[in-house]
Amino acid sequence: MSGKINELVEGKKRPLLDKMIDEGKSAAKCVEWCKENRLPLSIPTMYAYIKWRNEAIVNGLTIELLQPN
């Protein structure tokens, strides 16, 4: 997982971003929100985060458990 995604996963505002994703906000809107909150991410990185998050949900894991050691 990229360093930016690690920052996001460990961030205190992540629940707000996760809510946006759950509400169906576009990756571009999520990236815009992240930039406004001082975490500049690219759209491809956001798609990667969304993919890893969905994988965690499907497998009943927390996203932190998907991070490599």
PDB file of N, CA and C in Angstrom:
ATOM      1  N   MET A   1       0.853  -1.164   0.000  1.00  0.00           N
ATOM      2  CA  MET A   1       0.000   0.000   0.000  1.00  0.00           C
ATOM      3  C   MET A   1       0.903   1.233   0.000  1.00  0.00           C
ATOM      4  N   SER A   2       0.517   2.239  -0.746  1.00  0.00           N
ATOM      5  CA  SER A   2       1.363   3.421  -0.838  1.00  0.00           C
ATOM      6  C   SER A   2       1.402   4.181   0.483  1.00  0.00           C
ATOM      7  N   GLY A   3       2.420   5.020   0.621  1.00  0.00           N
ATOM      8  CA  GLY A   3       2.562   5.822   1.826  1.00  0.00           C
ATOM      9  C   GLY A   3       1.379   6.745   2.048  1.00  0.00           C
ATOM     10  N   LYS A   4       0.830   7.290   0.967  1.00  0.00           N
ATOM     11  CA  LYS A   4      -0.327   8.183   1.085  1.00  0.00           C
ATOM     12  C   LYS A   4      -1.531   7.426   1.631  1.00  0.00           C
ATOM     13  N   ILE A   5      -1.728   6.203   1.182  1.00  0.00           N
ATOM     14  CA  ILE A   5      -2.854   5.417   1.686  1.00  0.00           C
ATOM     15  C   ILE A   5      -2.623   5.071   3.150  1.00  0.00           C
ATOM     16  N   ASN A   6      -1.387   4.777   3.519  1.00  0.00           N
ATOM     17  CA  ASN A   6      -1.090   4.520   4.929  1.00  0.00           C
ATOM     18  C   ASN A   6      -1.432   5.729   5.781  1.00  0.00           C
ATOM     19  N   GLU A   7      -1.087   6.927   5.295  1.00  0.00           N
ATOM     20  CA  GLU A   7      -1.439   8.149   6.023  1.00  0.00           C
ATOM     21  C   GLU A   7      -2.949   8.264   6.172  1.00  0.00           C
ATOM     22  N   LEU A   8      -3.643   7.943   5.115  1.00  0.00           N
ATOM     23  CA  LEU A   8      -5.107   8.021   5.128  1.00  0.00           C
ATOM     24  C   LEU A   8      -5.693   7.021   6.113  1.00  0.00           C
ATOM     25  N   VAL A   9      -5.220   5.795   6.081  1.00  0.00           N
ATOM     26  CA  VAL A   9      -5.731   4.742   6.958  1.00  0.00           C
ATOM     27  C   VAL A   9      -5.520   5.119   8.421  1.00  0.00           C
ATOM     28  N   GLU A  10      -4.403   5.750   8.714  1.00  0.00           N
ATOM     29  CA  GLU A  10      -4.091   6.115  10.088  1.00  0.00           C
ATOM     30  C   GLU A  10      -4.697   7.459  10.497  1.00  0.00           C
ATOM     31  N   GLY A  11      -5.269   8.175   9.555  1.00  0.00           N
ATOM     32  CA  GLY A  11      -5.792   9.509   9.822  1.00  0.00           C
ATOM     33  C   GLY A  11      -7.086   9.520  10.620  1.00  0.00           C
ATOM     34  N   LYS A  12      -7.278  10.593  11.370  1.00  0.00           N
ATOM     35  CA  LYS A  12      -8.463  10.730  12.208  1.00  0.00           C
ATOM     36  C   LYS A  12      -9.709  11.079  11.406  1.00  0.00           C
ATOM     37  N   LYS A  13      -9.531  11.616  10.203  1.00  0.00           N
ATOM     38  CA  LYS A  13     -10.671  12.018   9.389  1.00  0.00           C
ATOM     39  C   LYS A  13     -11.122  10.920   8.425  1.00  0.00           C
ATOM     40  N   ARG A  14     -10.482   9.777   8.490  1.00  0.00           N
ATOM     41  CA  ARG A  14     -10.828   8.688   7.582  1.00  0.00           C
ATOM     42  C   ARG A  14     -12.295   8.297   7.655  1.00  0.00           C
ATOM     43  N   PRO A  15     -12.927   8.254   8.840  1.00  0.00           N
ATOM     44  CA  PRO A  15     -14.357   7.899   8.872  1.00  0.00           C
ATOM     45  C   PRO A  15     -15.223   8.833   8.022  1.00  0.00           C
ATOM     46  N   LEU A  16     -14.834  10.097   7.932  1.00  0.00           N
ATOM     47  CA  LEU A  16     -15.577  11.035   7.094  1.00  0.00           C
ATOM     48  C   LEU A  16     -15.434  10.676   5.624  1.00  0.00           C
ATOM     49  N   LEU A  17     -14.227  10.309   5.220  1.00  0.00           N
ATOM     50  CA  LEU A  17     -13.991   9.897   3.842  1.00  0.00           C
ATOM     51  C   LEU A  17     -14.736   8.596   3.552  1.00  0.00           C
ATOM     52  N   ASP A  18     -14.676   7.654   4.472  1.00  0.00           N
ATOM     53  CA  ASP A  18     -15.377   6.385   4.277  1.00  0.00           C
ATOM     54  C   ASP A  18     -16.875   6.611   4.110  1.00  0.00           C
ATOM     55  N   LYS A  19     -17.422   7.554   4.847  1.00  0.00           N
ATOM     56  CA  LYS A  19     -18.844   7.878   4.707  1.00  0.00           C
ATOM     57  C   LYS A  19     -19.134   8.425   3.318  1.00  0.00           C
ATOM     58  N   MET A  20     -18.247   9.275   2.807  1.00  0.00           N
ATOM     59  CA  MET A  20     -18.422   9.813   1.458  1.00  0.00           C
ATOM     60  C   MET A  20     -18.432   8.680   0.434  1.00  0.00           C
ATOM     61  N   ILE A  21     -17.524   7.728   0.608  1.00  0.00           N
ATOM     62  CA  ILE A  21     -17.446   6.589  -0.305  1.00  0.00           C
ATOM     63  C   ILE A  21     -18.730   5.773  -0.220  1.00  0.00           C
ATOM     64  N   ASP A  22     -19.194   5.522   0.996  1.00  0.00           N
ATOM     65  CA  ASP A  22     -20.430   4.757   1.194  1.00  0.00           C
ATOM     66  C   ASP A  22     -21.639   5.454   0.577  1.00  0.00           C
ATOM     67  N   GLU A  23     -21.613   6.775   0.561  1.00  0.00           N
ATOM     68  CA  GLU A  23     -22.708   7.545  -0.025  1.00  0.00           C
ATOM     69  C   GLU A  23     -22.622   7.617  -1.547  1.00  0.00           C
ATOM     70  N   GLY A  24     -21.564   7.046  -2.124  1.00  0.00           N
ATOM     71  CA  GLY A  24     -21.436   7.004  -3.574  1.00  0.00           C
ATOM     72  C   GLY A  24     -20.781   8.221  -4.198  1.00  0.00           C
ATOM     73  N   LYS A  25     -20.078   9.010  -3.385  1.00  0.00           N
ATOM     74  CA  LYS A  25     -19.366  10.164  -3.942  1.00  0.00           C
ATOM     75  C   LYS A  25     -18.291   9.664  -4.897  1.00  0.00           C
ATOM     76  N   SER A  26     -18.036  10.425  -5.932  1.00  0.00           N
ATOM     77  CA  SER A  26     -17.040  10.028  -6.927  1.00  0.00           C
ATOM     78  C   SER A  26     -15.631  10.087  -6.334  1.00  0.00           C
ATOM     79  N   ALA A  27     -14.721   9.346  -6.958  1.00  0.00           N
ATOM     80  CA  ALA A  27     -13.321   9.369  -6.526  1.00  0.00           C
ATOM     81  C   ALA A  27     -12.773  10.790  -6.634  1.00  0.00           C
ATOM     82  N   ALA A  28     -13.176  11.530  -7.668  1.00  0.00           N
ATOM     83  CA  ALA A  28     -12.709  12.906  -7.845  1.00  0.00           C
ATOM     84  C   ALA A  28     -13.170  13.785  -6.680  1.00  0.00           C
ATOM     85  N   LYS A  29     -14.419  13.626  -6.243  1.00  0.00           N
ATOM     86  CA  LYS A  29     -14.923  14.399  -5.101  1.00  0.00           C
ATOM     87  C   LYS A  29     -14.162  14.029  -3.831  1.00  0.00           C
ATOM     88  N   CYS A  30     -13.876  12.740  -3.661  1.00  0.00           N
ATOM     89  CA  CYS A  30     -13.138  12.284  -2.480  1.00  0.00           C
ATOM     90  C   CYS A  30     -11.715  12.845  -2.485  1.00  0.00           C
ATOM     91  N   VAL A  31     -11.081  12.870  -3.654  1.00  0.00           N
ATOM     92  CA  VAL A  31      -9.734  13.429  -3.775  1.00  0.00           C
ATOM     93  C   VAL A  31      -9.763  14.922  -3.451  1.00  0.00           C
ATOM     94  N   GLU A  32     -10.767  15.610  -3.950  1.00  0.00           N
ATOM     95  CA  GLU A  32     -10.911  17.038  -3.663  1.00  0.00           C
ATOM     96  C   GLU A  32     -11.028  17.272  -2.156  1.00  0.00           C
ATOM     97  N   TRP A  33     -11.859  16.462  -1.497  1.00  0.00           N
ATOM     98  CA  TRP A  33     -12.022  16.570  -0.051  1.00  0.00           C
ATOM     99  C   TRP A  33     -10.696  16.321   0.671  1.00  0.00           C
ATOM    100  N   CYS A  34      -9.962  15.306   0.235  1.00  0.00           N
ATOM    101  CA  CYS A  34      -8.672  14.988   0.857  1.00  0.00           C
ATOM    102  C   CYS A  34      -7.697  16.154   0.711  1.00  0.00           C
ATOM    103  N   LYS A  35      -7.645  16.745  -0.474  1.00  0.00           N
ATOM    104  CA  LYS A  35      -6.744  17.880  -0.685  1.00  0.00           C
ATOM    105  C   LYS A  35      -7.123  19.043   0.221  1.00  0.00           C
ATOM    106  N   GLU A  36      -8.418  19.273   0.393  1.00  0.00           N
ATOM    107  CA  GLU A  36      -8.870  20.340   1.298  1.00  0.00           C
ATOM    108  C   GLU A  36      -8.473  20.049   2.745  1.00  0.00           C
ATOM    109  N   ASN A  37      -8.274  18.782   3.056  1.00  0.00           N
ATOM    110  CA  ASN A  37      -7.899  18.369   4.411  1.00  0.00           C
ATOM    111  C   ASN A  37      -6.423  17.994   4.510  1.00  0.00           C
ATOM    112  N   ARG A  38      -5.629  18.558   3.626  1.00  0.00           N
ATOM    113  CA  ARG A  38      -4.158  18.445   3.661  1.00  0.00           C
ATOM    114  C   ARG A  38      -3.617  17.032   3.466  1.00  0.00           C
ATOM    115  N   LEU A  39      -4.307  16.252   2.658  1.00  0.00           N
ATOM    116  CA  LEU A  39      -3.796  14.941   2.275  1.00  0.00           C
ATOM    117  C   LEU A  39      -3.940  14.804   0.765  1.00  0.00           C
ATOM    118  N   PRO A  40      -2.969  15.355   0.033  1.00  0.00           N
ATOM    119  CA  PRO A  40      -3.078  15.319  -1.424  1.00  0.00           C
ATOM    120  C   PRO A  40      -2.933  13.900  -1.968  1.00  0.00           C
ATOM    121  N   LEU A  41      -3.992  13.433  -2.596  1.00  0.00           N
ATOM    122  CA  LEU A  41      -3.999  12.110  -3.217  1.00  0.00           C
ATOM    123  C   LEU A  41      -4.373  12.260  -4.685  1.00  0.00           C
ATOM    124  N   SER A  42      -3.913  11.326  -5.485  1.00  0.00           N
ATOM    125  CA  SER A  42      -4.322  11.299  -6.883  1.00  0.00           C
ATOM    126  C   SER A  42      -5.593  10.460  -7.011  1.00  0.00           C
ATOM    127  N   ILE A  43      -6.264  10.600  -8.125  1.00  0.00           N
ATOM    128  CA  ILE A  43      -7.467   9.796  -8.356  1.00  0.00           C
ATOM    129  C   ILE A  43      -7.123   8.307  -8.396  1.00  0.00           C
ATOM    130  N   PRO A  44      -6.024   7.886  -9.072  1.00  0.00           N
ATOM    131  CA  PRO A  44      -5.694   6.456  -9.036  1.00  0.00           C
ATOM    132  C   PRO A  44      -5.430   5.932  -7.617  1.00  0.00           C
ATOM    133  N   THR A  45      -4.806   6.744  -6.773  1.00  0.00           N
ATOM    134  CA  THR A  45      -4.569   6.332  -5.392  1.00  0.00           C
ATOM    135  C   THR A  45      -5.889   6.189  -4.647  1.00  0.00           C
ATOM    136  N   MET A  46      -6.832   7.085  -4.920  1.00  0.00           N
ATOM    137  CA  MET A  46      -8.148   6.985  -4.291  1.00  0.00           C
ATOM    138  C   MET A  46      -8.848   5.706  -4.724  1.00  0.00           C
ATOM    139  N   TYR A  47      -8.774   5.386  -6.020  1.00  0.00           N
ATOM    140  CA  TYR A  47      -9.376   4.137  -6.486  1.00  0.00           C
ATOM    141  C   TYR A  47      -8.742   2.932  -5.799  1.00  0.00           C
ATOM    142  N   ALA A  48      -7.419   2.980  -5.584  1.00  0.00           N
ATOM    143  CA  ALA A  48      -6.733   1.883  -4.889  1.00  0.00           C
ATOM    144  C   ALA A  48      -7.244   1.772  -3.456  1.00  0.00           C
ATOM    145  N   TYR A  49      -7.416   2.919  -2.780  1.00  0.00           N
ATOM    146  CA  TYR A  49      -7.933   2.896  -1.413  1.00  0.00           C
ATOM    147  C   TYR A  49      -9.337   2.309  -1.383  1.00  0.00           C
ATOM    148  N   ILE A  50     -10.174   2.743  -2.309  1.00  0.00           N
ATOM    149  CA  ILE A  50     -11.550   2.232  -2.365  1.00  0.00           C
ATOM    150  C   ILE A  50     -11.535   0.716  -2.592  1.00  0.00           C
ATOM    151  N   LYS A  51     -10.667   0.250  -3.461  1.00  0.00           N
ATOM    152  CA  LYS A  51     -10.563  -1.194  -3.740  1.00  0.00           C
ATOM    153  C   LYS A  51     -10.141  -1.949  -2.482  1.00  0.00           C
ATOM    154  N   TRP A  52      -9.092  -1.468  -1.797  1.00  0.00           N
ATOM    155  CA  TRP A  52      -8.619  -2.149  -0.587  1.00  0.00           C
ATOM    156  C   TRP A  52      -9.680  -2.115   0.512  1.00  0.00           C
ATOM    157  N   ARG A  53     -10.375  -1.001   0.605  1.00  0.00           N
ATOM    158  CA  ARG A  53     -11.430  -0.882   1.622  1.00  0.00           C
ATOM    159  C   ARG A  53     -12.556  -1.867   1.338  1.00  0.00           C
ATOM    160  N   ASN A  54     -12.975  -1.943   0.074  1.00  0.00           N
ATOM    161  CA  ASN A  54     -14.035  -2.889  -0.292  1.00  0.00           C
ATOM    162  C   ASN A  54     -13.605  -4.325  -0.041  1.00  0.00           C
ATOM    163  N   GLU A  55     -12.350  -4.626  -0.338  1.00  0.00           N
ATOM    164  CA  GLU A  55     -11.819  -5.972  -0.080  1.00  0.00           C
ATOM    165  C   GLU A  55     -11.875  -6.291   1.413  1.00  0.00           C
ATOM    166  N   ALA A  56     -11.521  -5.319   2.239  1.00  0.00           N
ATOM    167  CA  ALA A  56     -11.565  -5.519   3.696  1.00  0.00           C
ATOM    168  C   ALA A  56     -12.997  -5.788   4.154  1.00  0.00           C
ATOM    169  N   ILE A  57     -13.946  -5.028   3.621  1.00  0.00           N
ATOM    170  CA  ILE A  57     -15.349  -5.198   4.009  1.00  0.00           C
ATOM    171  C   ILE A  57     -15.851  -6.580   3.603  1.00  0.00           C
ATOM    172  N   VAL A  58     -15.567  -6.983   2.374  1.00  0.00           N
ATOM    173  CA  VAL A  58     -16.026  -8.283   1.871  1.00  0.00           C
ATOM    174  C   VAL A  58     -15.448  -9.422   2.688  1.00  0.00           C
ATOM    175  N   ASN A  59     -14.187  -9.271   3.108  1.00  0.00           N
ATOM    176  CA  ASN A  59     -13.520 -10.342   3.849  1.00  0.00           C
ATOM    177  C   ASN A  59     -13.671 -10.217   5.361  1.00  0.00           C
ATOM    178  N   GLY A  60     -14.428  -9.225   5.803  1.00  0.00           N
ATOM    179  CA  GLY A  60     -14.652  -9.053   7.233  1.00  0.00           C
ATOM    180  C   GLY A  60     -13.423  -8.628   7.997  1.00  0.00           C
ATOM    181  N   LEU A  61     -12.551  -7.877   7.351  1.00  0.00           N
ATOM    182  CA  LEU A  61     -11.319  -7.407   7.980  1.00  0.00           C
ATOM    183  C   LEU A  61     -11.371  -5.902   8.153  1.00  0.00           C
ATOM    184  N   THR A  62     -10.497  -5.385   9.003  1.00  0.00           N
ATOM    185  CA  THR A  62     -10.310  -3.940   9.025  1.00  0.00           C
ATOM    186  C   THR A  62      -9.283  -3.616   7.970  1.00  0.00           C
ATOM    187  N   ILE A  63      -9.336  -2.422   7.435  1.00  0.00           N
ATOM    188  CA  ILE A  63      -8.384  -2.045   6.391  1.00  0.00           C
ATOM    189  C   ILE A  63      -6.955  -2.108   6.905  1.00  0.00           C
ATOM    190  N   GLU A  64      -6.756  -1.891   8.200  1.00  0.00           N
ATOM    191  CA  GLU A  64      -5.412  -1.956   8.774  1.00  0.00           C
ATOM    192  C   GLU A  64      -4.806  -3.349   8.599  1.00  0.00           C
ATOM    193  N   LEU A  65      -5.628  -4.404   8.620  1.00  0.00           N
ATOM    194  CA  LEU A  65      -5.116  -5.767   8.471  1.00  0.00           C
ATOM    195  C   LEU A  65      -4.648  -6.062   7.054  1.00  0.00           C
ATOM    196  N   LEU A  66      -5.070  -5.257   6.085  1.00  0.00           N
ATOM    197  CA  LEU A  66      -4.617  -5.458   4.708  1.00  0.00           C
ATOM    198  C   LEU A  66      -3.267  -4.827   4.428  1.00  0.00           C
ATOM    199  N   GLN A  67      -2.775  -4.014   5.353  1.00  0.00           N
ATOM    200  CA  GLN A  67      -1.494  -3.374   5.161  1.00  0.00           C
ATOM    201  C   GLN A  67      -0.376  -4.402   5.271  1.00  0.00           C
ATOM    202  N   PRO A  68       0.619  -4.285   4.374  1.00  0.00           N
ATOM    203  CA  PRO A  68       1.763  -5.199   4.489  1.00  0.00           C
ATOM    204  C   PRO A  68       2.566  -4.883   5.745  1.00  0.00           C
ATOM    205  N   ASN A  69       3.181  -5.894   6.328  1.00  0.00           N
ATOM    206  CA  ASN A  69       4.009  -5.700   7.542  1.00  0.00           C
ATOM    207  C   ASN A  69       5.343  -5.140   7.182  1.00  0.00           C
TER     208      ASN A  69
END
